[in-house]
């Protein structure tokens, strides 16, 4: 079975909002390393975390995350 691949706009949105990784992590109840892994596409977030991140930026989940099947 193919694995899903994750692409995010988190870094761009975070920089546009003038936020650090630490500030975003605090806002969504995560640790900074999780945000770093998400920005690199190395971590698959839970639906709840994806929703919280999208809410911070007033975006839909689909505007922040793109999932593709390889």
PDB file of N, CA and C in Angstrom:
ATOM      1  N   UNK A   1       0.839  -1.175   0.000  1.00  0.00           N
ATOM      2  CA  UNK A   1       0.000   0.000   0.000  1.00  0.00           C
ATOM      3  C   UNK A   1       0.887   1.242   0.000  1.00  0.00           C
ATOM      4  N   UNK A   2       0.499   2.244  -0.753  1.00  0.00           N
ATOM      5  CA  UNK A   2       1.259   3.484  -0.858  1.00  0.00           C
ATOM      6  C   UNK A   2       1.132   4.321   0.410  1.00  0.00           C
ATOM      7  N   UNK A   3       2.197   5.049   0.705  1.00  0.00           N
ATOM      8  CA  UNK A   3       2.203   5.940   1.858  1.00  0.00           C
ATOM      9  C   UNK A   3       1.802   7.346   1.414  1.00  0.00           C
ATOM     10  N   UNK A   4       1.020   8.048   2.237  1.00  0.00           N
ATOM     11  CA  UNK A   4       0.691   9.435   1.892  1.00  0.00           C
ATOM     12  C   UNK A   4       1.896  10.341   2.121  1.00  0.00           C
ATOM     13  N   UNK A   5       2.003  11.353   1.304  1.00  0.00           N
ATOM     14  CA  UNK A   5       3.051  12.358   1.431  1.00  0.00           C
ATOM     15  C   UNK A   5       2.392  13.662   1.866  1.00  0.00           C
ATOM     16  N   UNK A   6       3.087  14.436   2.673  1.00  0.00           N
ATOM     17  CA  UNK A   6       2.531  15.664   3.211  1.00  0.00           C
ATOM     18  C   UNK A   6       3.321  16.863   2.731  1.00  0.00           C
ATOM     19  N   UNK A   7       2.624  17.864   2.235  1.00  0.00           N
ATOM     20  CA  UNK A   7       3.209  19.153   1.902  1.00  0.00           C
ATOM     21  C   UNK A   7       2.441  20.189   2.706  1.00  0.00           C
ATOM     22  N   UNK A   8       3.149  21.148   3.292  1.00  0.00           N
ATOM     23  CA  UNK A   8       2.468  22.169   4.085  1.00  0.00           C
ATOM     24  C   UNK A   8       2.898  23.572   3.675  1.00  0.00           C
ATOM     25  N   UNK A   9       2.047  24.514   4.028  1.00  0.00           N
ATOM     26  CA  UNK A   9       2.347  25.932   3.860  1.00  0.00           C
ATOM     27  C   UNK A   9       2.624  26.568   5.217  1.00  0.00           C
ATOM     28  N   UNK A  10       2.878  25.753   6.222  1.00  0.00           N
ATOM     29  CA  UNK A  10       3.009  26.268   7.585  1.00  0.00           C
ATOM     30  C   UNK A  10       4.121  27.299   7.687  1.00  0.00           C
ATOM     31  N   UNK A  11       5.265  27.003   7.137  1.00  0.00           N
ATOM     32  CA  UNK A  11       6.388  27.939   7.268  1.00  0.00           C
ATOM     33  C   UNK A  11       6.040  29.297   6.675  1.00  0.00           C
ATOM     34  N   UNK A  12       5.478  29.314   5.474  1.00  0.00           N
ATOM     35  CA  UNK A  12       5.122  30.573   4.830  1.00  0.00           C
ATOM     36  C   UNK A  12       4.073  31.329   5.645  1.00  0.00           C
ATOM     37  N   UNK A  13       3.049  30.617   6.098  1.00  0.00           N
ATOM     38  CA  UNK A  13       1.995  31.256   6.887  1.00  0.00           C
ATOM     39  C   UNK A  13       2.544  31.778   8.209  1.00  0.00           C
ATOM     40  N   UNK A  14       3.406  30.998   8.833  1.00  0.00           N
ATOM     41  CA  UNK A  14       4.000  31.400  10.111  1.00  0.00           C
ATOM     42  C   UNK A  14       4.850  32.652   9.945  1.00  0.00           C
ATOM     43  N   UNK A  15       5.670  32.701   8.898  1.00  0.00           N
ATOM     44  CA  UNK A  15       6.513  33.869   8.662  1.00  0.00           C
ATOM     45  C   UNK A  15       5.675  35.093   8.316  1.00  0.00           C
ATOM     46  N   UNK A  16       4.616  34.913   7.542  1.00  0.00           N
ATOM     47  CA  UNK A  16       3.729  36.033   7.210  1.00  0.00           C
ATOM     48  C   UNK A  16       3.042  36.575   8.467  1.00  0.00           C
ATOM     49  N   UNK A  17       2.795  35.704   9.432  1.00  0.00           N
ATOM     50  CA  UNK A  17       2.168  36.113  10.692  1.00  0.00           C
ATOM     51  C   UNK A  17       3.217  36.588  11.700  1.00  0.00           C
ATOM     52  N   UNK A  18       4.489  36.610  11.293  1.00  0.00           N
ATOM     53  CA  UNK A  18       5.592  37.037  12.155  1.00  0.00           C
ATOM     54  C   UNK A  18       5.629  36.225  13.454  1.00  0.00           C
ATOM     55  N   UNK A  19       5.496  34.899  13.302  1.00  0.00           N
ATOM     56  CA  UNK A  19       5.527  33.988  14.447  1.00  0.00           C
ATOM     57  C   UNK A  19       6.773  33.117  14.386  1.00  0.00           C
ATOM     58  N   UNK A  20       7.277  32.771  15.544  1.00  0.00           N
ATOM     59  CA  UNK A  20       8.355  31.795  15.614  1.00  0.00           C
ATOM     60  C   UNK A  20       7.738  30.403  15.688  1.00  0.00           C
ATOM     61  N   UNK A  21       8.570  29.393  15.494  1.00  0.00           N
ATOM     62  CA  UNK A  21       8.086  28.023  15.656  1.00  0.00           C
ATOM     63  C   UNK A  21       7.596  27.807  17.080  1.00  0.00           C
ATOM     64  N   UNK A  22       8.307  28.366  18.029  1.00  0.00           N
ATOM     65  CA  UNK A  22       7.935  28.221  19.442  1.00  0.00           C
ATOM     66  C   UNK A  22       6.570  28.863  19.722  1.00  0.00           C
ATOM     67  N   UNK A  23       6.329  30.028  19.180  1.00  0.00           N
ATOM     68  CA  UNK A  23       5.043  30.709  19.385  1.00  0.00           C
ATOM     69  C   UNK A  23       3.897  29.909  18.776  1.00  0.00           C
ATOM     70  N   UNK A  24       4.105  29.377  17.582  1.00  0.00           N
ATOM     71  CA  UNK A  24       3.068  28.561  16.955  1.00  0.00           C
ATOM     72  C   UNK A  24       2.834  27.294  17.762  1.00  0.00           C
ATOM     73  N   UNK A  25       3.907  26.667  18.199  1.00  0.00           N
ATOM     74  CA  UNK A  25       3.778  25.453  18.998  1.00  0.00           C
ATOM     75  C   UNK A  25       2.974  25.728  20.265  1.00  0.00           C
ATOM     76  N   UNK A  26       3.282  26.803  20.960  1.00  0.00           N
ATOM     77  CA  UNK A  26       2.543  27.160  22.168  1.00  0.00           C
ATOM     78  C   UNK A  26       1.068  27.396  21.865  1.00  0.00           C
ATOM     79  N   UNK A  27       0.783  28.050  20.750  1.00  0.00           N
ATOM     80  CA  UNK A  27      -0.594  28.380  20.388  1.00  0.00           C
ATOM     81  C   UNK A  27      -1.438  27.141  20.082  1.00  0.00           C
ATOM     82  N   UNK A  28      -0.802  26.080  19.596  1.00  0.00           N
ATOM     83  CA  UNK A  28      -1.559  24.874  19.227  1.00  0.00           C
ATOM     84  C   UNK A  28      -1.352  23.717  20.199  1.00  0.00           C
ATOM     85  N   UNK A  29      -0.592  23.954  21.256  1.00  0.00           N
ATOM     86  CA  UNK A  29      -0.388  22.911  22.257  1.00  0.00           C
ATOM     87  C   UNK A  29       0.558  21.811  21.816  1.00  0.00           C
ATOM     88  N   UNK A  30       1.601  22.198  21.093  1.00  0.00           N
ATOM     89  CA  UNK A  30       2.595  21.233  20.613  1.00  0.00           C
ATOM     90  C   UNK A  30       3.972  21.695  21.075  1.00  0.00           C
ATOM     91  N   UNK A  31       4.987  20.934  20.738  1.00  0.00           N
ATOM     92  CA  UNK A  31       6.362  21.352  21.009  1.00  0.00           C
ATOM     93  C   UNK A  31       6.976  21.885  19.722  1.00  0.00           C
ATOM     94  N   UNK A  32       8.010  22.706  19.871  1.00  0.00           N
ATOM     95  CA  UNK A  32       8.624  23.340  18.699  1.00  0.00           C
ATOM     96  C   UNK A  32       9.114  22.319  17.682  1.00  0.00           C
ATOM     97  N   UNK A  33       9.642  21.200  18.166  1.00  0.00           N
ATOM     98  CA  UNK A  33      10.157  20.175  17.250  1.00  0.00           C
ATOM     99  C   UNK A  33       9.047  19.641  16.339  1.00  0.00           C
ATOM    100  N   UNK A  34       7.835  19.541  16.853  1.00  0.00           N
ATOM    101  CA  UNK A  34       6.713  19.082  16.026  1.00  0.00           C
ATOM    102  C   UNK A  34       6.476  20.053  14.879  1.00  0.00           C
ATOM    103  N   UNK A  35       6.503  21.346  15.177  1.00  0.00           N
ATOM    104  CA  UNK A  35       6.313  22.352  14.128  1.00  0.00           C
ATOM    105  C   UNK A  35       7.440  22.256  13.106  1.00  0.00           C
ATOM    106  N   UNK A  36       8.669  22.084  13.578  1.00  0.00           N
ATOM    107  CA  UNK A  36       9.812  21.956  12.656  1.00  0.00           C
ATOM    108  C   UNK A  36       9.636  20.748  11.739  1.00  0.00           C
ATOM    109  N   UNK A  37       9.238  19.609  12.308  1.00  0.00           N
ATOM    110  CA  UNK A  37       9.014  18.408  11.487  1.00  0.00           C
ATOM    111  C   UNK A  37       7.862  18.608  10.509  1.00  0.00           C
ATOM    112  N   UNK A  38       6.805  19.277  10.941  1.00  0.00           N
ATOM    113  CA  UNK A  38       5.684  19.552  10.042  1.00  0.00           C
ATOM    114  C   UNK A  38       6.129  20.425   8.879  1.00  0.00           C
ATOM    115  N   UNK A  39       6.904  21.451   9.163  1.00  0.00           N
ATOM    116  CA  UNK A  39       7.362  22.351   8.101  1.00  0.00           C
ATOM    117  C   UNK A  39       8.218  21.626   7.073  1.00  0.00           C
ATOM    118  N   UNK A  40       8.925  20.600   7.501  1.00  0.00           N
ATOM    119  CA  UNK A  40       9.771  19.821   6.581  1.00  0.00           C
ATOM    120  C   UNK A  40       9.023  18.659   5.940  1.00  0.00           C
ATOM    121  N   UNK A  41       7.752  18.472   6.325  1.00  0.00           N
ATOM    122  CA  UNK A  41       6.978  17.369   5.774  1.00  0.00           C
ATOM    123  C   UNK A  41       7.396  16.021   6.333  1.00  0.00           C
ATOM    124  N   UNK A  42       8.020  16.010   7.510  1.00  0.00           N
ATOM    125  CA  UNK A  42       8.520  14.773   8.104  1.00  0.00           C
ATOM    126  C   UNK A  42       7.613  14.223   9.199  1.00  0.00           C
ATOM    127  N   UNK A  43       6.460  14.823   9.382  1.00  0.00           N
ATOM    128  CA  UNK A  43       5.549  14.401  10.446  1.00  0.00           C
ATOM    129  C   UNK A  43       4.126  14.525   9.935  1.00  0.00           C
ATOM    130  N   UNK A  44       3.327  13.495  10.170  1.00  0.00           N
ATOM    131  CA  UNK A  44       1.920  13.494   9.766  1.00  0.00           C
ATOM    132  C   UNK A  44       1.089  13.901  10.986  1.00  0.00           C
ATOM    133  N   UNK A  45       0.458  15.081  10.956  1.00  0.00           N
ATOM    134  CA  UNK A  45      -0.275  15.541  12.129  1.00  0.00           C
ATOM    135  C   UNK A  45      -1.589  14.800  12.311  1.00  0.00           C
ATOM    136  N   UNK A  46      -2.065  14.799  13.538  1.00  0.00           N
ATOM    137  CA  UNK A  46      -3.419  14.297  13.784  1.00  0.00           C
ATOM    138  C   UNK A  46      -4.395  15.297  13.170  1.00  0.00           C
ATOM    139  N   UNK A  47      -5.608  14.873  12.968  1.00  0.00           N
ATOM    140  CA  UNK A  47      -6.631  15.772  12.439  1.00  0.00           C
ATOM    141  C   UNK A  47      -6.838  16.941  13.389  1.00  0.00           C
ATOM    142  N   UNK A  48      -6.819  16.680  14.689  1.00  0.00           N
ATOM    143  CA  UNK A  48      -7.021  17.746  15.677  1.00  0.00           C
ATOM    144  C   UNK A  48      -5.906  18.792  15.592  1.00  0.00           C
ATOM    145  N   UNK A  49      -4.647  18.352  15.462  1.00  0.00           N
ATOM    146  CA  UNK A  49      -3.537  19.292  15.355  1.00  0.00           C
ATOM    147  C   UNK A  49      -3.616  20.071  14.047  1.00  0.00           C
ATOM    148  N   UNK A  50      -3.925  19.398  12.956  1.00  0.00           N
ATOM    149  CA  UNK A  50      -4.069  20.081  11.668  1.00  0.00           C
ATOM    150  C   UNK A  50      -5.147  21.151  11.754  1.00  0.00           C
ATOM    151  N   UNK A  51      -6.255  20.843  12.401  1.00  0.00           N
ATOM    152  CA  UNK A  51      -7.356  21.797  12.547  1.00  0.00           C
ATOM    153  C   UNK A  51      -6.914  23.004  13.386  1.00  0.00           C
ATOM    154  N   UNK A  52      -6.205  22.752  14.496  1.00  0.00           N
ATOM    155  CA  UNK A  52      -5.754  23.855  15.357  1.00  0.00           C
ATOM    156  C   UNK A  52      -4.785  24.768  14.608  1.00  0.00           C
ATOM    157  N   UNK A  53      -3.887  24.192  13.833  1.00  0.00           N
ATOM    158  CA  UNK A  53      -2.944  25.004  13.056  1.00  0.00           C
ATOM    159  C   UNK A  53      -3.698  25.835  12.021  1.00  0.00           C
ATOM    160  N   UNK A  54      -4.609  25.224  11.317  1.00  0.00           N
ATOM    161  CA  UNK A  54      -5.393  25.950  10.315  1.00  0.00           C
ATOM    162  C   UNK A  54      -6.165  27.104  10.959  1.00  0.00           C
ATOM    163  N   UNK A  55      -6.724  26.865  12.133  1.00  0.00           N
ATOM    164  CA  UNK A  55      -7.490  27.900  12.828  1.00  0.00           C
ATOM    165  C   UNK A  55      -6.618  29.096  13.209  1.00  0.00           C
ATOM    166  N   UNK A  56      -5.383  28.856  13.589  1.00  0.00           N
ATOM    167  CA  UNK A  56      -4.469  29.949  13.942  1.00  0.00           C
ATOM    168  C   UNK A  56      -4.330  30.928  12.779  1.00  0.00           C
ATOM    169  N   UNK A  57      -4.296  30.393  11.571  1.00  0.00           N
ATOM    170  CA  UNK A  57      -4.088  31.215  10.380  1.00  0.00           C
ATOM    171  C   UNK A  57      -5.387  31.568   9.654  1.00  0.00           C
ATOM    172  N   UNK A  58      -6.529  31.234  10.246  1.00  0.00           N
ATOM    173  CA  UNK A  58      -7.838  31.482   9.606  1.00  0.00           C
ATOM    174  C   UNK A  58      -7.916  30.856   8.215  1.00  0.00           C
ATOM    175  N   UNK A  59      -7.434  29.645   8.110  1.00  0.00           N
ATOM    176  CA  UNK A  59      -7.436  28.908   6.843  1.00  0.00           C
ATOM    177  C   UNK A  59      -8.142  27.583   7.045  1.00  0.00           C
ATOM    178  N   UNK A  60      -8.534  26.964   5.943  1.00  0.00           N
ATOM    179  CA  UNK A  60      -9.057  25.604   6.014  1.00  0.00           C
ATOM    180  C   UNK A  60      -7.865  24.649   6.083  1.00  0.00           C
ATOM    181  N   UNK A  61      -8.119  23.449   6.528  1.00  0.00           N
ATOM    182  CA  UNK A  61      -7.048  22.446   6.573  1.00  0.00           C
ATOM    183  C   UNK A  61      -6.445  22.263   5.185  1.00  0.00           C
ATOM    184  N   UNK A  62      -7.303  22.270   4.174  1.00  0.00           N
ATOM    185  CA  UNK A  62      -6.826  22.056   2.795  1.00  0.00           C
ATOM    186  C   UNK A  62      -5.928  23.191   2.302  1.00  0.00           C
ATOM    187  N   UNK A  63      -6.090  24.385   2.878  1.00  0.00           N
ATOM    188  CA  UNK A  63      -5.224  25.501   2.487  1.00  0.00           C
ATOM    189  C   UNK A  63      -3.853  25.424   3.149  1.00  0.00           C
ATOM    190  N   UNK A  64      -3.745  24.664   4.225  1.00  0.00           N
ATOM    191  CA  UNK A  64      -2.489  24.546   4.950  1.00  0.00           C
ATOM    192  C   UNK A  64      -1.747  23.258   4.591  1.00  0.00           C
ATOM    193  N   UNK A  65      -2.496  22.171   4.431  1.00  0.00           N
ATOM    194  CA  UNK A  65      -1.913  20.853   4.208  1.00  0.00           C
ATOM    195  C   UNK A  65      -2.376  20.255   2.880  1.00  0.00           C
ATOM    196  N   UNK A  66      -1.448  19.630   2.171  1.00  0.00           N
ATOM    197  CA  UNK A  66      -1.784  18.877   0.971  1.00  0.00           C
ATOM    198  C   UNK A  66      -1.265  17.462   1.165  1.00  0.00           C
ATOM    199  N   UNK A  67      -2.157  16.492   1.075  1.00  0.00           N
ATOM    200  CA  UNK A  67      -1.798  15.089   1.219  1.00  0.00           C
ATOM    201  C   UNK A  67      -1.888  14.434  -0.151  1.00  0.00           C
ATOM    202  N   UNK A  68      -0.843  13.742  -0.538  1.00  0.00           N
ATOM    203  CA  UNK A  68      -0.850  13.006  -1.790  1.00  0.00           C
ATOM    204  C   UNK A  68      -0.423  11.572  -1.528  1.00  0.00           C
ATOM    205  N   UNK A  69      -0.952  10.652  -2.320  1.00  0.00           N
ATOM    206  CA  UNK A  69      -0.579   9.237  -2.222  1.00  0.00           C
ATOM    207  C   UNK A  69       0.512   8.976  -3.241  1.00  0.00           C
ATOM    208  N   UNK A  70       1.625   8.453  -2.768  1.00  0.00           N
ATOM    209  CA  UNK A  70       2.746   8.161  -3.674  1.00  0.00           C
ATOM    210  C   UNK A  70       2.599   6.801  -4.298  1.00  0.00           C
TER     211      UNK A  70
END
